Amino acid sequence: MTESRPAAVRVLALLLAVTALATASVEWLNWYYAEDGGYPLFVRTAWALLRSLLFLVLIFHLWRGRHGAAPFGLILAVTTLFALARLVVPRHGSPAVPGIIGFGVVTVLCLTVVLLLYRSASVQEYLSRPKLRWWISRDGLTRKEMPSRPQVPGWVLTTRVAVFSYSALMLVACVVSIGRVFEGEVTLLPVVVGWFVFALVVSYAALFLSIFLVKGKAWARWLLVLLTLLVLLMHLPLCMLMLGVDGLVRDGGPLVVAALLALWGLWRAGRNGHFTPGAAHPAEADTPTPTPTADTRH
């Protein structure tokens, strides 16, 4: 059995595949034209190529009609542009012309993806439709709608995806800084190990707090704010210490953007009443409440 999908969803899936291919191509071009990249450029390029595969994961979420596809696409588009920008701009001199052209193409593709995810009525309706599951009954194998559950607000999902990216962004900078240890500065090894362990702890903390964030717990919201500030206070000085100003911009900038998106999502979710005790869920608020009518019979 095949499931009919709107034309906008099929176009968006194709556009995501083209974006993944274009991103990987620009990253390869930048590696080809780079002259002073060395080990740091190798690590960042390898991570960027792995990130391109996330567009395939986004296609899967979109094809399945999952509500989290929109915030996932937003975070992926923003971080992709920052990851690509730090590859295109060399340490010295001007960036290569093919790299600039490729970055412009990827920018247009990412903006188009975000616009379709958030502005296309067909895509929004498809992502919020009732889910179909296979059921085994006396009539055989059939597909039925699952009982509808209240959807998690989009800004909460945006925050959840943003905080999940903290650990990955820190690990990339940590791996880049290992190059100094390989060059003979063995005394920096404890700093690199501590940085690595801290990134792993942040990943588990983000996973734990995001579970209660979805449930609307106010304490999880404030703990995520504290976690975000702690990550910034640890990561940015370490980037400056281990990688210099260049590393602070290339590896600290993407994390600052992810942190701002997470804090903005928490503020918007709190403004919409997600963390208010006893507040009605948006899905329930749209349901009209029947009003008693007076019986006119005598």
C-alpha atoms as a PDB file:
ATOM      1  CA  MET A   1       0.000   0.000   0.000  1.00  0.00           C
ATOM      2  CA  THR A   2       1.298   3.439  -0.899  1.00  0.00           C
ATOM      3  CA  GLU A   3       0.434   6.652   0.856  1.00  0.00           C
ATOM      4  CA  SER A   4      -0.399   9.742  -1.155  1.00  0.00           C
ATOM      5  CA  ARG A   5       1.732  12.753  -0.326  1.00  0.00           C
ATOM      6  CA  PRO A   6       1.240  16.370  -1.400  1.00  0.00           C
ATOM      7  CA  ALA A   7       3.353  17.689  -4.248  1.00  0.00           C
ATOM      8  CA  ALA A   8       5.036  20.166  -1.882  1.00  0.00           C
ATOM      9  CA  VAL A   9       6.266  17.302   0.321  1.00  0.00           C
ATOM     10  CA  ARG A  10       7.718  15.426  -2.663  1.00  0.00           C
ATOM     11  CA  VAL A  11       9.404  18.596  -3.935  1.00  0.00           C
ATOM     12  CA  LEU A  12      10.813  19.291  -0.468  1.00  0.00           C
ATOM     13  CA  ALA A  13      12.212  15.757  -0.195  1.00  0.00           C
ATOM     14  CA  LEU A  14      13.932  16.166  -3.561  1.00  0.00           C
ATOM     15  CA  LEU A  15      15.227  19.584  -2.520  1.00  0.00           C
ATOM     16  CA  LEU A  16      16.722  18.108   0.656  1.00  0.00           C
ATOM     17  CA  ALA A  17      18.548  15.473  -1.378  1.00  0.00           C
ATOM     18  CA  VAL A  18      19.921  18.171  -3.689  1.00  0.00           C
ATOM     19  CA  THR A  19      20.988  20.242  -0.657  1.00  0.00           C
ATOM     20  CA  ALA A  20      22.863  17.293   0.822  1.00  0.00           C
ATOM     21  CA  LEU A  21      24.641  16.677  -2.486  1.00  0.00           C
ATOM     22  CA  ALA A  22      25.463  20.360  -2.956  1.00  0.00           C
ATOM     23  CA  THR A  23      26.799  20.681   0.591  1.00  0.00           C
ATOM     24  CA  ALA A  24      29.069  17.660   0.190  1.00  0.00           C
ATOM     25  CA  SER A  25      30.286  18.969  -3.186  1.00  0.00           C
ATOM     26  CA  VAL A  26      31.183  22.399  -1.803  1.00  0.00           C
ATOM     27  CA  GLU A  27      33.024  20.780   1.124  1.00  0.00           C
ATOM     28  CA  TRP A  28      35.046  18.672  -1.314  1.00  0.00           C
ATOM     29  CA  LEU A  29      35.813  21.723  -3.477  1.00  0.00           C
ATOM     30  CA  ASN A  30      37.014  23.630  -0.442  1.00  0.00           C
ATOM     31  CA  TRP A  31      39.294  20.732   0.528  1.00  0.00           C
ATOM     32  CA  TYR A  32      40.637  20.624  -3.028  1.00  0.00           C
ATOM     33  CA  TYR A  33      41.460  24.347  -3.164  1.00  0.00           C
ATOM     34  CA  ALA A  34      42.699  24.702   0.440  1.00  0.00           C
ATOM     35  CA  GLU A  35      46.410  25.349   0.874  1.00  0.00           C
ATOM     36  CA  ASP A  36      46.891  25.862   4.617  1.00  0.00           C
ATOM     37  CA  GLY A  37      44.181  23.693   6.161  1.00  0.00           C
ATOM     38  CA  GLY A  38      46.156  20.854   7.705  1.00  0.00           C
ATOM     39  CA  TYR A  39      44.737  18.695  10.466  1.00  0.00           C
ATOM     40  CA  PRO A  40      42.055  21.194  11.673  1.00  0.00           C
ATOM     41  CA  LEU A  41      40.563  21.483   8.190  1.00  0.00           C
ATOM     42  CA  PHE A  42      40.591  17.694   7.836  1.00  0.00           C
ATOM     43  CA  VAL A  43      38.589  17.247  11.061  1.00  0.00           C
ATOM     44  CA  ARG A  44      36.096  19.991  10.235  1.00  0.00           C
ATOM     45  CA  THR A  45      35.631  18.713   6.676  1.00  0.00           C
ATOM     46  CA  ALA A  46      35.070  15.142   7.889  1.00  0.00           C
ATOM     47  CA  TRP A  47      32.486  16.371  10.389  1.00  0.00           C
ATOM     48  CA  ALA A  48      30.775  18.490   7.734  1.00  0.00           C
ATOM     49  CA  LEU A  49      30.545  15.488   5.395  1.00  0.00           C
ATOM     50  CA  LEU A  50      28.979  13.421   8.174  1.00  0.00           C
ATOM     51  CA  ARG A  51      26.522  16.242   8.848  1.00  0.00           C
ATOM     52  CA  SER A  52      25.429  16.106   5.209  1.00  0.00           C
ATOM     53  CA  LEU A  53      23.981  12.666   5.934  1.00  0.00           C
ATOM     54  CA  LEU A  54      21.574  14.289   8.390  1.00  0.00           C
ATOM     55  CA  PHE A  55      19.654  15.640   5.412  1.00  0.00           C
ATOM     56  CA  LEU A  56      18.804  12.020   4.594  1.00  0.00           C
ATOM     57  CA  VAL A  57      17.541  11.586   8.164  1.00  0.00           C
ATOM     58  CA  LEU A  58      15.444  14.723   7.701  1.00  0.00           C
ATOM     59  CA  ILE A  59      13.976  13.250   4.502  1.00  0.00           C
ATOM     60  CA  PHE A  60      12.962  10.169   6.499  1.00  0.00           C
ATOM     61  CA  HIS A  61      11.229  12.285   9.167  1.00  0.00           C
ATOM     62  CA  LEU A  62       9.521  14.354   6.474  1.00  0.00           C
ATOM     63  CA  TRP A  63       8.365  11.277   4.555  1.00  0.00           C
ATOM     64  CA  ARG A  64       6.913   9.787   7.745  1.00  0.00           C
ATOM     65  CA  GLY A  65       5.106  13.061   8.482  1.00  0.00           C
ATOM     66  CA  ARG A  66       6.712  13.657  11.863  1.00  0.00           C
ATOM     67  CA  HIS A  67       6.010  16.948  13.579  1.00  0.00           C
ATOM     68  CA  GLY A  68       9.669  17.377  14.579  1.00  0.00           C
ATOM     69  CA  ALA A  69      10.818  17.621  10.953  1.00  0.00           C
ATOM     70  CA  ALA A  70      10.362  21.419  10.887  1.00  0.00           C
ATOM     71  CA  PRO A  71      12.557  22.328  13.904  1.00  0.00           C
ATOM     72  CA  PHE A  72      15.062  19.652  12.903  1.00  0.00           C
ATOM     73  CA  GLY A  73      15.283  21.228   9.458  1.00  0.00           C
ATOM     74  CA  LEU A  74      15.721  24.713  10.924  1.00  0.00           C
ATOM     75  CA  ILE A  75      18.621  23.703  13.179  1.00  0.00           C
ATOM     76  CA  LEU A  76      20.212  21.639  10.409  1.00  0.00           C
ATOM     77  CA  ALA A  77      20.014  24.502   7.886  1.00  0.00           C
ATOM     78  CA  VAL A  78      21.496  27.080  10.274  1.00  0.00           C
ATOM     79  CA  THR A  79      24.335  24.870  11.509  1.00  0.00           C
ATOM     80  CA  THR A  80      25.098  23.714   7.954  1.00  0.00           C
ATOM     81  CA  LEU A  81      25.628  27.294   6.802  1.00  0.00           C
ATOM     82  CA  PHE A  82      27.941  28.045   9.728  1.00  0.00           C
ATOM     83  CA  ALA A  83      29.853  24.789   9.271  1.00  0.00           C
ATOM     84  CA  LEU A  84      30.277  25.501   5.571  1.00  0.00           C
ATOM     85  CA  ALA A  85      31.273  29.137   6.125  1.00  0.00           C
ATOM     86  CA  ARG A  86      34.119  28.171   8.445  1.00  0.00           C
ATOM     87  CA  LEU A  87      35.426  25.802   5.762  1.00  0.00           C
ATOM     88  CA  VAL A  88      35.191  28.245   2.865  1.00  0.00           C
ATOM     89  CA  VAL A  89      37.014  31.095   4.615  1.00  0.00           C
ATOM     90  CA  PRO A  90      40.765  30.271   4.795  1.00  0.00           C
ATOM     91  CA  ARG A  91      43.127  31.345   7.544  1.00  0.00           C
ATOM     92  CA  HIS A  92      45.044  33.600   5.178  1.00  0.00           C
ATOM     93  CA  GLY A  93      44.092  35.269   1.945  1.00  0.00           C
ATOM     94  CA  SER A  94      40.769  35.321   0.133  1.00  0.00           C
ATOM     95  CA  PRO A  95      38.437  32.345  -0.289  1.00  0.00           C
ATOM     96  CA  ALA A  96      38.378  30.511  -3.614  1.00  0.00           C
ATOM     97  CA  VAL A  97      35.763  31.644  -6.122  1.00  0.00           C
ATOM     98  CA  PRO A  98      34.196  28.142  -6.506  1.00  0.00           C
ATOM     99  CA  GLY A  99      33.827  27.981  -2.747  1.00  0.00           C
ATOM    100  CA  ILE A 100      32.045  31.342  -2.613  1.00  0.00           C
ATOM    101  CA  ILE A 101      29.699  30.357  -5.447  1.00  0.00           C
ATOM    102  CA  GLY A 102      28.994  27.000  -3.814  1.00  0.00           C
ATOM    103  CA  PHE A 103      28.291  28.640  -0.457  1.00  0.00           C
ATOM    104  CA  GLY A 104      25.799  30.968  -2.152  1.00  0.00           C
ATOM    105  CA  VAL A 105      24.031  28.013  -3.783  1.00  0.00           C
ATOM    106  CA  VAL A 106      23.812  26.110  -0.481  1.00  0.00           C
ATOM    107  CA  THR A 107      22.520  29.257   1.259  1.00  0.00           C
ATOM    108  CA  VAL A 108      19.672  29.586  -1.251  1.00  0.00           C
ATOM    109  CA  LEU A 109      18.845  25.893  -0.903  1.00  0.00           C
ATOM    110  CA  CYS A 110      18.800  26.021   2.917  1.00  0.00           C
ATOM    111  CA  LEU A 111      16.607  29.143   2.953  1.00  0.00           C
ATOM    112  CA  THR A 112      14.201  27.484   0.519  1.00  0.00           C
ATOM    113  CA  VAL A 113      14.040  24.380   2.714  1.00  0.00           C
ATOM    114  CA  VAL A 114      13.211  26.445   5.807  1.00  0.00           C
ATOM    115  CA  LEU A 115      10.568  28.450   3.956  1.00  0.00           C
ATOM    116  CA  LEU A 116       8.851  25.291   2.713  1.00  0.00           C
ATOM    117  CA  LEU A 117       8.941  23.706   6.165  1.00  0.00           C
ATOM    118  CA  TYR A 118       7.395  26.709   7.894  1.00  0.00           C
ATOM    119  CA  ARG A 119       5.432  28.551   5.190  1.00  0.00           C
ATOM    120  CA  SER A 120       3.969  25.823   3.011  1.00  0.00           C
ATOM    121  CA  ALA A 121       0.399  25.032   4.061  1.00  0.00           C
ATOM    122  CA  SER A 122       0.578  21.607   2.394  1.00  0.00           C
ATOM    123  CA  VAL A 123       3.723  20.649   4.281  1.00  0.00           C
ATOM    124  CA  GLN A 124       2.369  21.915   7.602  1.00  0.00           C
ATOM    125  CA  GLU A 125      -0.869  20.008   7.121  1.00  0.00           C
ATOM    126  CA  TYR A 126       1.003  16.846   6.165  1.00  0.00           C
ATOM    127  CA  LEU A 127       3.257  17.039   9.249  1.00  0.00           C
ATOM    128  CA  SER A 128       0.268  17.463  11.566  1.00  0.00           C
ATOM    129  CA  ARG A 129      -2.020  14.825  10.062  1.00  0.00           C
ATOM    130  CA  PRO A 130      -3.109  11.728  12.051  1.00  0.00           C
ATOM    131  CA  LYS A 131      -0.548   8.943  11.929  1.00  0.00           C
ATOM    132  CA  LEU A 132      -1.338   5.593  10.297  1.00  0.00           C
ATOM    133  CA  ARG A 133      -0.169   2.288  11.764  1.00  0.00           C
ATOM    134  CA  TRP A 134      -0.502  -1.331  10.752  1.00  0.00           C
ATOM    135  CA  TRP A 135      -3.015  -3.380  12.756  1.00  0.00           C
ATOM    136  CA  ILE A 136      -3.635  -7.128  12.796  1.00  0.00           C
ATOM    137  CA  SER A 137      -7.284  -8.052  13.323  1.00  0.00           C
ATOM    138  CA  ARG A 138      -9.824 -10.615  12.188  1.00  0.00           C
ATOM    139  CA  ASP A 139     -10.088  -8.759   8.898  1.00  0.00           C
ATOM    140  CA  GLY A 140      -6.375  -9.236   8.260  1.00  0.00           C
ATOM    141  CA  LEU A 141      -3.608  -6.642   7.997  1.00  0.00           C
ATOM    142  CA  THR A 142      -5.041  -3.126   7.797  1.00  0.00           C
ATOM    143  CA  ARG A 143      -3.895   0.442   8.384  1.00  0.00           C
ATOM    144  CA  LYS A 144      -5.731   2.561  10.916  1.00  0.00           C
ATOM    145  CA  GLU A 145      -5.272   5.967  12.447  1.00  0.00           C
ATOM    146  CA  MET A 146      -3.524   6.089  15.778  1.00  0.00           C
ATOM    147  CA  PRO A 147      -5.326   7.882  18.629  1.00  0.00           C
ATOM    148  CA  SER A 148      -4.418  11.541  18.359  1.00  0.00           C
ATOM    149  CA  ARG A 149      -2.065  12.868  21.002  1.00  0.00           C
ATOM    150  CA  PRO A 150      -1.330  16.507  21.825  1.00  0.00           C
ATOM    151  CA  GLN A 151       1.566  17.685  19.694  1.00  0.00           C
ATOM    152  CA  VAL A 152       4.643  19.166  21.300  1.00  0.00           C
ATOM    153  CA  PRO A 153       4.955  22.902  20.514  1.00  0.00           C
ATOM    154  CA  GLY A 154       7.389  23.669  17.728  1.00  0.00           C
ATOM    155  CA  TRP A 155       9.557  25.998  19.835  1.00  0.00           C
ATOM    156  CA  VAL A 156      10.025  23.242  22.427  1.00  0.00           C
ATOM    157  CA  LEU A 157      11.200  20.876  19.699  1.00  0.00           C
ATOM    158  CA  THR A 158      13.526  23.582  18.364  1.00  0.00           C
ATOM    159  CA  THR A 159      15.093  23.944  21.805  1.00  0.00           C
ATOM    160  CA  ARG A 160      15.380  20.192  22.162  1.00  0.00           C
ATOM    161  CA  VAL A 161      17.241  19.798  18.861  1.00  0.00           C
ATOM    162  CA  ALA A 162      19.470  22.811  19.611  1.00  0.00           C
ATOM    163  CA  VAL A 163      20.639  21.513  22.997  1.00  0.00           C
ATOM    164  CA  PHE A 164      21.363  18.108  21.455  1.00  0.00           C
ATOM    165  CA  SER A 165      23.861  19.819  19.134  1.00  0.00           C
ATOM    166  CA  TYR A 166      25.947  21.199  22.039  1.00  0.00           C
ATOM    167  CA  SER A 167      27.862  17.979  22.588  1.00  0.00           C
ATOM    168  CA  ALA A 168      28.645  17.397  18.899  1.00  0.00           C
ATOM    169  CA  LEU A 169      29.924  20.959  18.406  1.00  0.00           C
ATOM    170  CA  MET A 170      32.161  20.698  21.457  1.00  0.00           C
ATOM    171  CA  LEU A 171      33.531  17.311  20.387  1.00  0.00           C
ATOM    172  CA  VAL A 172      34.581  18.690  16.992  1.00  0.00           C
ATOM    173  CA  ALA A 173      36.569  21.491  18.623  1.00  0.00           C
ATOM    174  CA  CYS A 174      38.001  19.002  21.117  1.00  0.00           C
ATOM    175  CA  VAL A 175      39.208  16.688  18.338  1.00  0.00           C
ATOM    176  CA  VAL A 176      40.741  19.656  16.483  1.00  0.00           C
ATOM    177  CA  SER A 177      42.652  20.637  19.632  1.00  0.00           C
ATOM    178  CA  ILE A 178      44.191  17.143  19.830  1.00  0.00           C
ATOM    179  CA  GLY A 179      46.425  18.316  16.994  1.00  0.00           C
ATOM    180  CA  ARG A 180      48.433  20.365  19.495  1.00  0.00           C
ATOM    181  CA  VAL A 181      49.045  17.220  21.543  1.00  0.00           C
ATOM    182  CA  PHE A 182      50.263  15.435  18.417  1.00  0.00           C
ATOM    183  CA  GLU A 183      52.646  18.324  17.799  1.00  0.00           C
ATOM    184  CA  GLY A 184      54.397  17.678  21.114  1.00  0.00           C
ATOM    185  CA  GLU A 185      52.433  19.739  23.658  1.00  0.00           C
ATOM    186  CA  VAL A 186      51.652  16.716  25.847  1.00  0.00           C
ATOM    187  CA  THR A 187      50.900  18.898  28.866  1.00  0.00           C
ATOM    188  CA  LEU A 188      47.643  19.924  27.191  1.00  0.00           C
ATOM    189  CA  LEU A 189      46.343  16.346  27.201  1.00  0.00           C
ATOM    190  CA  PRO A 190      44.462  16.689  30.562  1.00  0.00           C
ATOM    191  CA  VAL A 191      42.672  19.770  29.204  1.00  0.00           C
ATOM    192  CA  VAL A 192      41.600  17.896  26.064  1.00  0.00           C
ATOM    193  CA  VAL A 193      40.427  14.883  28.091  1.00  0.00           C
ATOM    194  CA  GLY A 194      38.459  17.121  30.473  1.00  0.00           C
ATOM    195  CA  TRP A 195      36.889  18.905  27.510  1.00  0.00           C
ATOM    196  CA  PHE A 196      35.909  15.555  25.980  1.00  0.00           C
ATOM    197  CA  VAL A 197      34.381  14.269  29.235  1.00  0.00           C
ATOM    198  CA  PHE A 198      32.474  17.521  29.744  1.00  0.00           C
ATOM    199  CA  ALA A 199      30.985  17.226  26.250  1.00  0.00           C
ATOM    200  CA  LEU A 200      29.763  13.706  27.021  1.00  0.00           C
ATOM    201  CA  VAL A 201      28.239  14.813  30.329  1.00  0.00           C
ATOM    202  CA  VAL A 202      26.430  17.639  28.532  1.00  0.00           C
ATOM    203  CA  SER A 203      24.928  15.169  26.062  1.00  0.00           C
ATOM    204  CA  TYR A 204      23.436  13.031  28.853  1.00  0.00           C
ATOM    205  CA  ALA A 205      22.228  16.090  30.775  1.00  0.00           C
ATOM    206  CA  ALA A 206      20.556  17.502  27.653  1.00  0.00           C
ATOM    207  CA  LEU A 207      18.834  14.171  27.002  1.00  0.00           C
ATOM    208  CA  PHE A 208      17.547  13.948  30.584  1.00  0.00           C
ATOM    209  CA  LEU A 209      16.297  17.538  30.760  1.00  0.00           C
ATOM    210  CA  SER A 210      14.686  17.450  27.323  1.00  0.00           C
ATOM    211  CA  ILE A 211      12.393  14.630  28.443  1.00  0.00           C
ATOM    212  CA  PHE A 212      10.899  16.813  31.178  1.00  0.00           C
ATOM    213  CA  LEU A 213      11.021  19.881  28.941  1.00  0.00           C
ATOM    214  CA  VAL A 214       8.528  18.213  26.606  1.00  0.00           C
ATOM    215  CA  LYS A 215       6.313  17.463  29.614  1.00  0.00           C
ATOM    216  CA  GLY A 216       6.183  21.179  30.430  1.00  0.00           C
ATOM    217  CA  LYS A 217       8.212  21.151  33.646  1.00  0.00           C
ATOM    218  CA  ALA A 218       9.337  24.662  34.548  1.00  0.00           C
ATOM    219  CA  TRP A 219      12.391  23.424  36.474  1.00  0.00           C
ATOM    220  CA  ALA A 220      13.668  21.680  33.342  1.00  0.00           C
ATOM    221  CA  ARG A 221      13.416  24.981  31.493  1.00  0.00           C
ATOM    222  CA  TRP A 222      15.577  26.827  34.021  1.00  0.00           C
ATOM    223  CA  LEU A 223      18.082  23.993  34.253  1.00  0.00           C
ATOM    224  CA  LEU A 224      18.459  24.070  30.466  1.00  0.00           C
ATOM    225  CA  VAL A 225      19.161  27.800  30.661  1.00  0.00           C
ATOM    226  CA  LEU A 226      21.846  27.113  33.284  1.00  0.00           C
ATOM    227  CA  LEU A 227      23.250  24.271  31.172  1.00  0.00           C
ATOM    228  CA  THR A 228      23.446  26.566  28.141  1.00  0.00           C
ATOM    229  CA  LEU A 229      25.286  29.254  30.092  1.00  0.00           C
ATOM    230  CA  LEU A 230      27.664  26.663  31.564  1.00  0.00           C
ATOM    231  CA  VAL A 231      28.431  25.285  28.097  1.00  0.00           C
ATOM    232  CA  LEU A 232      29.218  28.767  26.792  1.00  0.00           C
ATOM    233  CA  LEU A 233      31.398  29.587  29.811  1.00  0.00           C
ATOM    234  CA  MET A 234      33.388  26.380  29.335  1.00  0.00           C
ATOM    235  CA  HIS A 235      33.525  26.025  25.566  1.00  0.00           C
ATOM    236  CA  LEU A 236      34.388  29.558  24.447  1.00  0.00           C
ATOM    237  CA  PRO A 237      37.420  30.054  26.756  1.00  0.00           C
ATOM    238  CA  LEU A 238      38.694  26.582  25.829  1.00  0.00           C
ATOM    239  CA  CYS A 239      38.408  27.426  22.133  1.00  0.00           C
ATOM    240  CA  MET A 240      40.375  30.606  22.743  1.00  0.00           C
ATOM    241  CA  LEU A 241      42.993  28.811  24.832  1.00  0.00           C
ATOM    242  CA  MET A 242      43.489  25.782  22.585  1.00  0.00           C
ATOM    243  CA  LEU A 243      42.682  27.092  19.101  1.00  0.00           C
ATOM    244  CA  GLY A 244      43.165  30.849  19.296  1.00  0.00           C
ATOM    245  CA  VAL A 245      40.949  33.530  17.785  1.00  0.00           C
ATOM    246  CA  ASP A 246      40.532  31.515  14.590  1.00  0.00           C
ATOM    247  CA  GLY A 247      39.190  28.522  16.519  1.00  0.00           C
ATOM    248  CA  LEU A 248      37.010  30.754  18.677  1.00  0.00           C
ATOM    249  CA  VAL A 249      35.269  32.039  15.560  1.00  0.00           C
ATOM    250  CA  ARG A 250      35.116  28.740  13.667  1.00  0.00           C
ATOM    251  CA  ASP A 251      34.204  26.413  16.567  1.00  0.00           C
ATOM    252  CA  GLY A 252      32.702  28.831  19.078  1.00  0.00           C
ATOM    253  CA  GLY A 253      30.454  30.693  16.653  1.00  0.00           C
ATOM    254  CA  PRO A 254      28.238  27.715  15.686  1.00  0.00           C
ATOM    255  CA  LEU A 255      27.693  26.827  19.350  1.00  0.00           C
ATOM    256  CA  VAL A 256      26.736  30.417  20.187  1.00  0.00           C
ATOM    257  CA  VAL A 257      24.120  30.315  17.422  1.00  0.00           C
ATOM    258  CA  ALA A 258      22.754  26.986  18.701  1.00  0.00           C
ATOM    259  CA  ALA A 259      22.606  28.397  22.238  1.00  0.00           C
ATOM    260  CA  LEU A 260      20.729  31.499  21.073  1.00  0.00           C
ATOM    261  CA  LEU A 261      18.195  29.321  19.231  1.00  0.00           C
ATOM    262  CA  ALA A 262      17.721  27.189  22.347  1.00  0.00           C
ATOM    263  CA  LEU A 263      17.201  30.206  24.612  1.00  0.00           C
ATOM    264  CA  TRP A 264      14.869  31.831  22.089  1.00  0.00           C
ATOM    265  CA  GLY A 265      12.828  28.631  21.886  1.00  0.00           C
ATOM    266  CA  LEU A 266      12.576  28.437  25.681  1.00  0.00           C
ATOM    267  CA  TRP A 267      11.417  32.051  25.856  1.00  0.00           C
ATOM    268  CA  ARG A 268       8.795  31.578  23.146  1.00  0.00           C
ATOM    269  CA  ALA A 269       7.533  28.339  24.678  1.00  0.00           C
ATOM    270  CA  GLY A 270       7.224  30.010  28.094  1.00  0.00           C
ATOM    271  CA  ARG A 271       5.454  32.983  26.536  1.00  0.00           C
ATOM    272  CA  ASN A 272       2.931  30.618  24.940  1.00  0.00           C
ATOM    273  CA  GLY A 273       2.145  29.035  28.317  1.00  0.00           C
ATOM    274  CA  HIS A 274       3.869  25.687  27.836  1.00  0.00           C
ATOM    275  CA  PHE A 275       5.387  25.784  31.330  1.00  0.00           C
ATOM    276  CA  THR A 276       2.307  27.174  33.102  1.00  0.00           C
ATOM    277  CA  PRO A 277       0.863  24.593  35.551  1.00  0.00           C
ATOM    278  CA  GLY A 278      -2.624  23.531  34.563  1.00  0.00           C
ATOM    279  CA  ALA A 279      -2.520  25.399  31.261  1.00  0.00           C
ATOM    280  CA  ALA A 280      -4.488  23.869  28.441  1.00  0.00           C
ATOM    281  CA  HIS A 281      -2.508  22.319  25.659  1.00  0.00           C
ATOM    282  CA  PRO A 282      -2.758  24.174  22.346  1.00  0.00           C
ATOM    283  CA  ALA A 283      -4.328  21.117  20.764  1.00  0.00           C
ATOM    284  CA  GLU A 284      -6.977  21.088  23.453  1.00  0.00           C
ATOM    285  CA  ALA A 285      -7.517  24.831  23.413  1.00  0.00           C
ATOM    286  CA  ASP A 286      -8.778  24.652  19.841  1.00  0.00           C
ATOM    287  CA  THR A 287     -11.542  22.248  20.824  1.00  0.00           C
ATOM    288  CA  PRO A 288     -14.776  24.184  21.395  1.00  0.00           C
ATOM    289  CA  THR A 289     -16.393  23.694  24.768  1.00  0.00           C
ATOM    290  CA  PRO A 290     -20.136  23.028  24.592  1.00  0.00           C
ATOM    291  CA  THR A 291     -22.220  25.634  26.366  1.00  0.00           C
ATOM    292  CA  PRO A 292     -25.392  24.664  28.174  1.00  0.00           C
ATOM    293  CA  THR A 293     -28.559  25.876  26.550  1.00  0.00           C
ATOM    294  CA  ALA A 294     -31.776  26.549  28.340  1.00  0.00           C
ATOM    295  CA  ASP A 295     -34.593  24.057  27.802  1.00  0.00           C
ATOM    296  CA  THR A 296     -37.409  26.008  26.165  1.00  0.00           C
ATOM    297  CA  ARG A 297     -40.005  23.275  26.586  1.00  0.00           C
ATOM    298  CA  HIS A 298     -42.801  23.887  29.103  1.00  0.00           C
END
